[in-house]
Amino acid sequence: MQAFCEQVFHQLELIVTSTSELISSIEESDWEMRPTAGRFSIGELAGHIALICEADTRIANGASEAEMKAFYSSRTPISKKQALIELAHSFEELKNNYLPLTESELRKIHIAYWGVSYSRFEWLLETLVHLTHHRGQLHAMLVHHAGKDPKIALFE
């Protein structure tokens, strides 16, 4: 199973690298742009993406709703520079948490505070999908709402 984790981490590395490039391409004047009322601004989405790896790891490890609210309120980036730092830190936390796990630890079921239960390996896949989803959203916001094509490859 560890070989599968290494393959997932290869994909995560690609996603994190291209996401970092996307965030780097955001102009400060576009940070507050909110294409849809009641939804993330470009900057808020970048901040959310930056924390996904660590947040999803915390959830997979059984963090409570209160713990997650405290995490988000204390760590959500408010600038491009902070988002880039948090994205790198968050990915390192994910790797440090997952790479040492044994096969039996990867198979262990963990229940999220809202009731869904996945194995640790499934949580890793969920993190990959979550990050990929929001990276696509950020790319679409930049292209279709900010009118800027960052010309960043999203896949190999």
N, C-alpha and C. Protein backbone atom coordinates (compact mmCIF):
# COMPACT_ATOMS: atom_id res chain seq x y z
N MET A 1 0.83 -1.20 0.00
CA MET A 1 0.00 0.00 0.00
C MET A 1 0.87 1.26 0.00
N GLN A 2 2.06 1.15 0.60
CA GLN A 2 2.94 2.32 0.64
C GLN A 2 3.33 2.76 -0.77
N ALA A 3 3.46 1.80 -1.69
CA ALA A 3 3.77 2.16 -3.08
C ALA A 3 2.64 3.00 -3.67
N PHE A 4 1.40 2.70 -3.29
CA PHE A 4 0.27 3.49 -3.77
C PHE A 4 0.33 4.91 -3.18
N CYS A 5 0.72 5.01 -1.93
CA CYS A 5 0.86 6.33 -1.30
C CYS A 5 1.90 7.16 -2.04
N GLU A 6 3.00 6.53 -2.40
CA GLU A 6 4.05 7.25 -3.13
C GLU A 6 3.52 7.77 -4.47
N GLN A 7 2.67 6.98 -5.13
CA GLN A 7 2.08 7.42 -6.39
C GLN A 7 1.11 8.57 -6.17
N VAL A 8 0.33 8.49 -5.10
CA VAL A 8 -0.59 9.60 -4.77
C VAL A 8 0.23 10.85 -4.46
N PHE A 9 1.32 10.69 -3.73
CA PHE A 9 2.15 11.85 -3.41
C PHE A 9 2.82 12.44 -4.65
N HIS A 10 3.11 11.62 -5.64
CA HIS A 10 3.62 12.16 -6.90
C HIS A 10 2.58 13.09 -7.52
N GLN A 11 1.33 12.66 -7.54
CA GLN A 11 0.25 13.49 -8.09
C GLN A 11 0.05 14.74 -7.23
N LEU A 12 0.09 14.58 -5.92
CA LEU A 12 -0.05 15.74 -5.03
C LEU A 12 1.06 16.75 -5.27
N GLU A 13 2.27 16.28 -5.49
CA GLU A 13 3.41 17.18 -5.76
C GLU A 13 3.13 18.01 -7.01
N LEU A 14 2.60 17.37 -8.04
CA LEU A 14 2.25 18.09 -9.27
C LEU A 14 1.17 19.14 -9.01
N ILE A 15 0.17 18.76 -8.24
CA ILE A 15 -0.94 19.67 -7.93
C ILE A 15 -0.44 20.84 -7.10
N VAL A 16 0.36 20.56 -6.08
CA VAL A 16 0.88 21.62 -5.21
C VAL A 16 1.78 22.57 -6.01
N THR A 17 2.61 22.03 -6.88
CA THR A 17 3.50 22.88 -7.69
C THR A 17 2.70 23.79 -8.60
N SER A 18 1.72 23.24 -9.31
CA SER A 18 0.93 24.08 -10.22
C SER A 18 0.04 25.05 -9.45
N THR A 19 -0.43 24.64 -8.28
CA THR A 19 -1.23 25.55 -7.45
C THR A 19 -0.37 26.71 -6.96
N SER A 20 0.85 26.42 -6.57
CA SER A 20 1.77 27.47 -6.15
C SER A 20 2.01 28.46 -7.30
N GLU A 21 2.16 27.93 -8.50
CA GLU A 21 2.34 28.80 -9.67
C GLU A 21 1.09 29.65 -9.91
N LEU A 22 -0.09 29.05 -9.74
CA LEU A 22 -1.34 29.81 -9.91
C LEU A 22 -1.43 30.93 -8.88
N ILE A 23 -1.17 30.60 -7.62
CA ILE A 23 -1.24 31.61 -6.57
C ILE A 23 -0.22 32.72 -6.84
N SER A 24 0.97 32.34 -7.27
CA SER A 24 2.00 33.35 -7.59
C SER A 24 1.57 34.28 -8.71
N SER A 25 0.72 33.78 -9.60
CA SER A 25 0.29 34.59 -10.75
C SER A 25 -0.82 35.60 -10.40
N ILE A 26 -1.41 35.47 -9.21
CA ILE A 26 -2.50 36.36 -8.84
C ILE A 26 -1.95 37.76 -8.57
N GLU A 27 -2.54 38.74 -9.21
CA GLU A 27 -2.16 40.13 -8.95
C GLU A 27 -2.90 40.60 -7.70
N GLU A 28 -2.23 41.43 -6.92
CA GLU A 28 -2.84 41.92 -5.68
C GLU A 28 -4.21 42.56 -5.94
N SER A 29 -4.35 43.21 -7.09
CA SER A 29 -5.62 43.86 -7.41
C SER A 29 -6.75 42.86 -7.63
N ASP A 30 -6.42 41.59 -7.88
CA ASP A 30 -7.43 40.55 -8.10
C ASP A 30 -7.74 39.76 -6.83
N TRP A 31 -6.96 39.94 -5.78
CA TRP A 31 -7.09 39.15 -4.57
C TRP A 31 -8.50 39.22 -3.99
N GLU A 32 -9.12 40.40 -4.00
CA GLU A 32 -10.45 40.58 -3.40
C GLU A 32 -11.60 40.31 -4.38
N MET A 33 -11.29 40.02 -5.64
CA MET A 33 -12.34 39.77 -6.64
C MET A 33 -13.20 38.58 -6.21
N ARG A 34 -14.53 38.80 -6.18
CA ARG A 34 -15.48 37.78 -5.77
C ARG A 34 -16.45 37.55 -6.92
N PRO A 35 -16.18 36.56 -7.79
CA PRO A 35 -17.03 36.34 -8.96
C PRO A 35 -18.48 36.02 -8.63
N THR A 36 -18.73 35.34 -7.52
CA THR A 36 -20.09 34.97 -7.14
C THR A 36 -20.35 35.42 -5.71
N ALA A 37 -21.40 36.20 -5.51
CA ALA A 37 -21.75 36.67 -4.17
C ALA A 37 -21.94 35.48 -3.24
N GLY A 38 -21.44 35.60 -2.03
CA GLY A 38 -21.60 34.55 -1.04
C GLY A 38 -20.60 33.40 -1.17
N ARG A 39 -19.70 33.50 -2.12
CA ARG A 39 -18.67 32.47 -2.33
C ARG A 39 -17.29 33.07 -2.11
N PHE A 40 -16.27 32.22 -2.16
CA PHE A 40 -14.90 32.68 -1.96
C PHE A 40 -14.51 33.76 -2.96
N SER A 41 -13.75 34.74 -2.49
CA SER A 41 -13.03 35.63 -3.40
C SER A 41 -11.83 34.84 -3.93
N ILE A 42 -11.14 35.39 -4.90
CA ILE A 42 -9.94 34.73 -5.42
C ILE A 42 -8.92 34.52 -4.28
N GLY A 43 -8.71 35.54 -3.48
CA GLY A 43 -7.76 35.43 -2.37
C GLY A 43 -8.21 34.45 -1.30
N GLU A 44 -9.50 34.46 -0.99
CA GLU A 44 -10.02 33.52 0.01
C GLU A 44 -9.86 32.08 -0.47
N LEU A 45 -10.12 31.86 -1.76
CA LEU A 45 -9.95 30.52 -2.32
C LEU A 45 -8.48 30.10 -2.26
N ALA A 46 -7.58 31.01 -2.61
CA ALA A 46 -6.15 30.70 -2.52
C ALA A 46 -5.77 30.35 -1.08
N GLY A 47 -6.31 31.10 -0.13
CA GLY A 47 -6.05 30.81 1.29
C GLY A 47 -6.59 29.46 1.72
N HIS A 48 -7.78 29.13 1.24
CA HIS A 48 -8.39 27.83 1.56
C HIS A 48 -7.54 26.70 0.99
N ILE A 49 -7.16 26.83 -0.26
CA ILE A 49 -6.34 25.80 -0.92
C ILE A 49 -5.03 25.59 -0.16
N ALA A 50 -4.45 26.68 0.31
CA ALA A 50 -3.16 26.60 1.00
C ALA A 50 -3.21 25.70 2.23
N LEU A 51 -4.37 25.59 2.85
CA LEU A 51 -4.49 24.83 4.09
C LEU A 51 -5.03 23.42 3.91
N ILE A 52 -5.46 23.07 2.71
CA ILE A 52 -6.15 21.79 2.49
C ILE A 52 -5.34 20.59 2.98
N CYS A 53 -4.09 20.50 2.60
CA CYS A 53 -3.31 19.31 2.97
C CYS A 53 -3.26 19.11 4.48
N GLU A 54 -2.97 20.16 5.21
CA GLU A 54 -2.90 20.03 6.67
C GLU A 54 -4.28 19.88 7.28
N ALA A 55 -5.25 20.63 6.79
CA ALA A 55 -6.60 20.54 7.34
C ALA A 55 -7.18 19.14 7.15
N ASP A 56 -7.05 18.60 5.95
CA ASP A 56 -7.58 17.26 5.70
C ASP A 56 -6.84 16.21 6.53
N THR A 57 -5.56 16.41 6.78
CA THR A 57 -4.81 15.50 7.65
C THR A 57 -5.35 15.57 9.06
N ARG A 58 -5.59 16.76 9.55
CA ARG A 58 -6.14 16.92 10.90
C ARG A 58 -7.51 16.24 11.01
N ILE A 59 -8.35 16.43 10.00
CA ILE A 59 -9.67 15.79 10.01
C ILE A 59 -9.51 14.28 9.99
N ALA A 60 -8.62 13.77 9.14
CA ALA A 60 -8.39 12.33 9.06
C ALA A 60 -7.89 11.75 10.38
N ASN A 61 -7.21 12.58 11.16
CA ASN A 61 -6.69 12.14 12.45
C ASN A 61 -7.68 12.37 13.59
N GLY A 62 -8.90 12.79 13.26
CA GLY A 62 -9.95 12.89 14.28
C GLY A 62 -10.16 14.25 14.90
N ALA A 63 -9.67 15.32 14.29
CA ALA A 63 -9.89 16.66 14.85
C ALA A 63 -11.39 16.96 14.95
N SER A 64 -11.77 17.62 16.01
CA SER A 64 -13.17 18.00 16.22
C SER A 64 -13.51 19.24 15.39
N GLU A 65 -14.79 19.53 15.31
CA GLU A 65 -15.23 20.73 14.60
C GLU A 65 -14.64 21.98 15.24
N ALA A 66 -14.63 22.02 16.57
CA ALA A 66 -14.06 23.18 17.28
C ALA A 66 -12.57 23.32 16.98
N GLU A 67 -11.86 22.20 16.96
CA GLU A 67 -10.42 22.25 16.65
C GLU A 67 -10.19 22.75 15.23
N MET A 68 -11.04 22.34 14.31
CA MET A 68 -10.87 22.79 12.92
C MET A 68 -11.20 24.28 12.78
N LYS A 69 -12.22 24.74 13.47
CA LYS A 69 -12.54 26.18 13.43
C LYS A 69 -11.36 26.99 13.98
N ALA A 70 -10.77 26.52 15.06
CA ALA A 70 -9.62 27.21 15.64
C ALA A 70 -8.43 27.19 14.67
N PHE A 71 -8.22 26.05 14.02
CA PHE A 71 -7.13 25.94 13.04
C PHE A 71 -7.33 26.95 11.92
N TYR A 72 -8.52 26.96 11.32
CA TYR A 72 -8.78 27.88 10.21
C TYR A 72 -8.68 29.34 10.65
N SER A 73 -9.19 29.66 11.83
CA SER A 73 -9.17 31.07 12.24
C SER A 73 -7.76 31.55 12.56
N SER A 74 -6.89 30.65 12.96
CA SER A 74 -5.53 31.07 13.30
C SER A 74 -4.54 30.96 12.14
N ARG A 75 -4.90 30.23 11.09
CA ARG A 75 -3.92 29.95 10.05
C ARG A 75 -4.31 30.42 8.65
N THR A 76 -5.53 30.88 8.45
CA THR A 76 -5.95 31.25 7.10
C THR A 76 -5.12 32.42 6.59
N PRO A 77 -4.44 32.24 5.47
CA PRO A 77 -3.60 33.31 4.91
C PRO A 77 -4.43 34.49 4.40
N ILE A 78 -3.87 35.68 4.54
CA ILE A 78 -4.57 36.87 4.04
C ILE A 78 -3.78 37.58 2.95
N SER A 79 -2.68 36.98 2.53
CA SER A 79 -1.89 37.56 1.45
C SER A 79 -1.34 36.44 0.57
N LYS A 80 -0.90 36.82 -0.61
CA LYS A 80 -0.31 35.85 -1.53
C LYS A 80 0.92 35.20 -0.90
N LYS A 81 1.78 36.00 -0.29
CA LYS A 81 2.99 35.48 0.34
C LYS A 81 2.65 34.46 1.42
N GLN A 82 1.68 34.79 2.26
CA GLN A 82 1.27 33.86 3.32
C GLN A 82 0.68 32.58 2.73
N ALA A 83 -0.11 32.71 1.67
CA ALA A 83 -0.72 31.54 1.04
C ALA A 83 0.35 30.60 0.51
N LEU A 84 1.37 31.14 -0.11
CA LEU A 84 2.45 30.31 -0.64
C LEU A 84 3.22 29.60 0.47
N ILE A 85 3.46 30.31 1.56
CA ILE A 85 4.15 29.71 2.72
C ILE A 85 3.30 28.60 3.32
N GLU A 86 2.01 28.88 3.52
CA GLU A 86 1.11 27.88 4.12
C GLU A 86 0.93 26.66 3.22
N LEU A 87 0.86 26.87 1.91
CA LEU A 87 0.71 25.74 0.98
C LEU A 87 1.91 24.79 1.12
N ALA A 88 3.11 25.33 1.14
CA ALA A 88 4.31 24.50 1.28
C ALA A 88 4.34 23.80 2.64
N HIS A 89 4.01 24.55 3.69
CA HIS A 89 4.00 23.98 5.04
C HIS A 89 2.94 22.87 5.15
N SER A 90 1.77 23.14 4.62
CA SER A 90 0.66 22.20 4.68
C SER A 90 1.00 20.89 3.98
N PHE A 91 1.64 20.99 2.82
CA PHE A 91 2.03 19.79 2.08
C PHE A 91 3.09 19.00 2.85
N GLU A 92 4.03 19.69 3.48
CA GLU A 92 5.04 19.01 4.30
C GLU A 92 4.39 18.27 5.46
N GLU A 93 3.39 18.90 6.09
CA GLU A 93 2.67 18.25 7.19
C GLU A 93 1.98 16.98 6.72
N LEU A 94 1.38 17.03 5.55
CA LEU A 94 0.72 15.85 4.99
C LEU A 94 1.73 14.73 4.77
N LYS A 95 2.86 15.06 4.15
CA LYS A 95 3.89 14.04 3.90
C LYS A 95 4.43 13.48 5.21
N ASN A 96 4.72 14.34 6.16
CA ASN A 96 5.27 13.90 7.44
C ASN A 96 4.29 12.99 8.18
N ASN A 97 3.01 13.22 7.98
CA ASN A 97 1.99 12.41 8.64
C ASN A 97 1.80 11.07 7.95
N TYR A 98 1.81 11.05 6.63
CA TYR A 98 1.44 9.84 5.89
C TYR A 98 2.60 8.92 5.53
N LEU A 99 3.72 9.45 5.15
CA LEU A 99 4.79 8.59 4.63
C LEU A 99 5.30 7.55 5.64
N PRO A 100 5.29 7.82 6.94
CA PRO A 100 5.75 6.79 7.89
C PRO A 100 4.70 5.71 8.20
N LEU A 101 3.46 5.87 7.75
CA LEU A 101 2.39 4.95 8.14
C LEU A 101 2.60 3.55 7.55
N THR A 102 2.25 2.56 8.35
CA THR A 102 2.29 1.17 7.89
C THR A 102 1.00 0.86 7.12
N GLU A 103 0.99 -0.30 6.48
CA GLU A 103 -0.21 -0.69 5.74
C GLU A 103 -1.41 -0.79 6.66
N SER A 104 -1.24 -1.35 7.84
CA SER A 104 -2.39 -1.48 8.75
C SER A 104 -2.86 -0.11 9.22
N GLU A 105 -1.94 0.83 9.41
CA GLU A 105 -2.34 2.19 9.79
C GLU A 105 -3.08 2.88 8.64
N LEU A 106 -2.68 2.62 7.41
CA LEU A 106 -3.36 3.21 6.25
C LEU A 106 -4.76 2.63 6.06
N ARG A 107 -4.97 1.42 6.53
CA ARG A 107 -6.29 0.78 6.41
C ARG A 107 -7.23 1.17 7.54
N LYS A 108 -6.70 1.73 8.61
CA LYS A 108 -7.50 2.08 9.78
C LYS A 108 -8.55 3.13 9.41
N ILE A 109 -9.77 2.89 9.87
CA ILE A 109 -10.90 3.79 9.59
C ILE A 109 -10.90 4.92 10.61
N HIS A 110 -11.08 6.13 10.12
CA HIS A 110 -11.23 7.31 10.97
C HIS A 110 -12.53 8.01 10.60
N ILE A 111 -13.22 8.51 11.61
CA ILE A 111 -14.52 9.15 11.40
C ILE A 111 -14.35 10.66 11.55
N ALA A 112 -14.84 11.41 10.57
CA ALA A 112 -14.79 12.87 10.63
C ALA A 112 -15.86 13.38 11.59
N TYR A 113 -15.69 14.59 12.06
CA TYR A 113 -16.64 15.15 13.02
C TYR A 113 -18.06 15.26 12.47
N TRP A 114 -18.25 15.23 11.17
CA TRP A 114 -19.60 15.28 10.60
C TRP A 114 -20.14 13.89 10.29
N GLY A 115 -19.36 12.83 10.62
CA GLY A 115 -19.87 11.48 10.56
C GLY A 115 -19.38 10.58 9.45
N VAL A 116 -18.73 11.10 8.43
CA VAL A 116 -18.24 10.26 7.33
C VAL A 116 -17.00 9.49 7.81
N SER A 117 -16.90 8.24 7.38
CA SER A 117 -15.74 7.44 7.79
C SER A 117 -15.01 6.88 6.58
N TYR A 118 -13.69 7.06 6.60
CA TYR A 118 -12.81 6.58 5.54
C TYR A 118 -11.57 5.97 6.19
N SER A 119 -10.91 5.10 5.44
CA SER A 119 -9.59 4.65 5.89
C SER A 119 -8.64 5.84 5.72
N ARG A 120 -7.50 5.74 6.38
CA ARG A 120 -6.52 6.82 6.22
C ARG A 120 -6.11 6.97 4.76
N PHE A 121 -6.00 5.84 4.04
CA PHE A 121 -5.65 5.92 2.63
C PHE A 121 -6.75 6.64 1.85
N GLU A 122 -8.02 6.37 2.16
CA GLU A 122 -9.12 7.08 1.50
C GLU A 122 -9.06 8.57 1.80
N TRP A 123 -8.67 8.93 3.03
CA TRP A 123 -8.53 10.35 3.36
C TRP A 123 -7.44 10.99 2.51
N LEU A 124 -6.38 10.24 2.24
CA LEU A 124 -5.32 10.76 1.37
C LEU A 124 -5.86 11.01 -0.03
N LEU A 125 -6.64 10.07 -0.54
CA LEU A 125 -7.26 10.26 -1.86
C LEU A 125 -8.22 11.45 -1.85
N GLU A 126 -8.96 11.59 -0.76
CA GLU A 126 -9.89 12.73 -0.64
C GLU A 126 -9.11 14.04 -0.68
N THR A 127 -7.95 14.07 -0.06
CA THR A 127 -7.11 15.27 -0.07
C THR A 127 -6.67 15.59 -1.50
N LEU A 128 -6.26 14.57 -2.24
CA LEU A 128 -5.87 14.76 -3.64
C LEU A 128 -7.02 15.34 -4.46
N VAL A 129 -8.20 14.77 -4.30
CA VAL A 129 -9.38 15.23 -5.05
C VAL A 129 -9.77 16.65 -4.62
N HIS A 130 -9.75 16.91 -3.32
CA HIS A 130 -10.11 18.22 -2.77
C HIS A 130 -9.18 19.30 -3.33
N LEU A 131 -7.89 19.03 -3.29
CA LEU A 131 -6.91 20.00 -3.79
C LEU A 131 -7.06 20.21 -5.29
N THR A 132 -7.27 19.13 -6.03
CA THR A 132 -7.43 19.22 -7.49
C THR A 132 -8.68 20.02 -7.84
N HIS A 133 -9.77 19.77 -7.13
CA HIS A 133 -11.03 20.48 -7.37
C HIS A 133 -10.84 21.99 -7.21
N HIS A 134 -10.26 22.39 -6.08
CA HIS A 134 -10.12 23.83 -5.83
C HIS A 134 -9.06 24.47 -6.73
N ARG A 135 -8.06 23.73 -7.11
CA ARG A 135 -7.09 24.26 -8.07
C ARG A 135 -7.81 24.59 -9.38
N GLY A 136 -8.69 23.71 -9.83
CA GLY A 136 -9.48 23.97 -11.04
C GLY A 136 -10.37 25.18 -10.88
N GLN A 137 -10.98 25.33 -9.70
CA GLN A 137 -11.80 26.51 -9.44
C GLN A 137 -10.97 27.78 -9.54
N LEU A 138 -9.79 27.77 -8.92
CA LEU A 138 -8.94 28.96 -8.94
C LEU A 138 -8.53 29.29 -10.36
N HIS A 139 -8.16 28.29 -11.12
CA HIS A 139 -7.78 28.51 -12.52
C HIS A 139 -8.95 29.13 -13.28
N ALA A 140 -10.14 28.58 -13.11
CA ALA A 140 -11.33 29.10 -13.81
C ALA A 140 -11.63 30.53 -13.39
N MET A 141 -11.49 30.84 -12.10
CA MET A 141 -11.74 32.21 -11.65
C MET A 141 -10.76 33.18 -12.30
N LEU A 142 -9.50 32.79 -12.38
CA LEU A 142 -8.50 33.67 -12.98
C LEU A 142 -8.77 33.87 -14.47
N VAL A 143 -9.10 32.79 -15.17
CA VAL A 143 -9.31 32.88 -16.62
C VAL A 143 -10.63 33.56 -16.95
N HIS A 144 -11.72 33.11 -16.34
CA HIS A 144 -13.05 33.56 -16.75
C HIS A 144 -13.54 34.82 -16.05
N HIS A 145 -13.01 35.11 -14.88
CA HIS A 145 -13.49 36.30 -14.16
C HIS A 145 -12.46 37.41 -14.08
N ALA A 146 -11.20 37.04 -13.92
CA ALA A 146 -10.16 38.07 -13.89
C ALA A 146 -9.65 38.35 -15.30
N GLY A 147 -10.02 37.47 -16.25
CA GLY A 147 -9.61 37.66 -17.64
C GLY A 147 -8.12 37.46 -17.86
N LYS A 148 -7.51 36.61 -17.02
CA LYS A 148 -6.06 36.41 -17.12
C LYS A 148 -5.76 34.92 -17.23
N ASP A 149 -5.14 34.53 -18.32
CA ASP A 149 -4.74 33.14 -18.48
C ASP A 149 -3.32 32.98 -17.96
N PRO A 150 -3.16 32.29 -16.83
CA PRO A 150 -1.82 32.16 -16.26
C PRO A 150 -0.89 31.25 -17.06
N LYS A 151 -1.44 30.54 -18.05
CA LYS A 151 -0.64 29.66 -18.91
C LYS A 151 0.21 28.68 -18.09
N ILE A 152 -0.48 28.04 -17.15
CA ILE A 152 0.16 27.06 -16.28
C ILE A 152 -0.44 25.70 -16.59
N ALA A 153 0.42 24.72 -16.83
CA ALA A 153 -0.05 23.36 -17.10
C ALA A 153 -0.66 22.77 -15.83
N LEU A 154 -1.88 22.27 -15.96
CA LEU A 154 -2.54 21.68 -14.80
C LEU A 154 -2.31 20.18 -14.71
N PHE A 155 -1.83 19.58 -15.79
CA PHE A 155 -1.54 18.14 -15.81
C PHE A 155 -0.25 17.92 -16.57
N GLU A 156 0.40 16.77 -16.31
CA GLU A 156 1.64 16.44 -17.02
C GLU A 156 1.34 16.15 -18.47
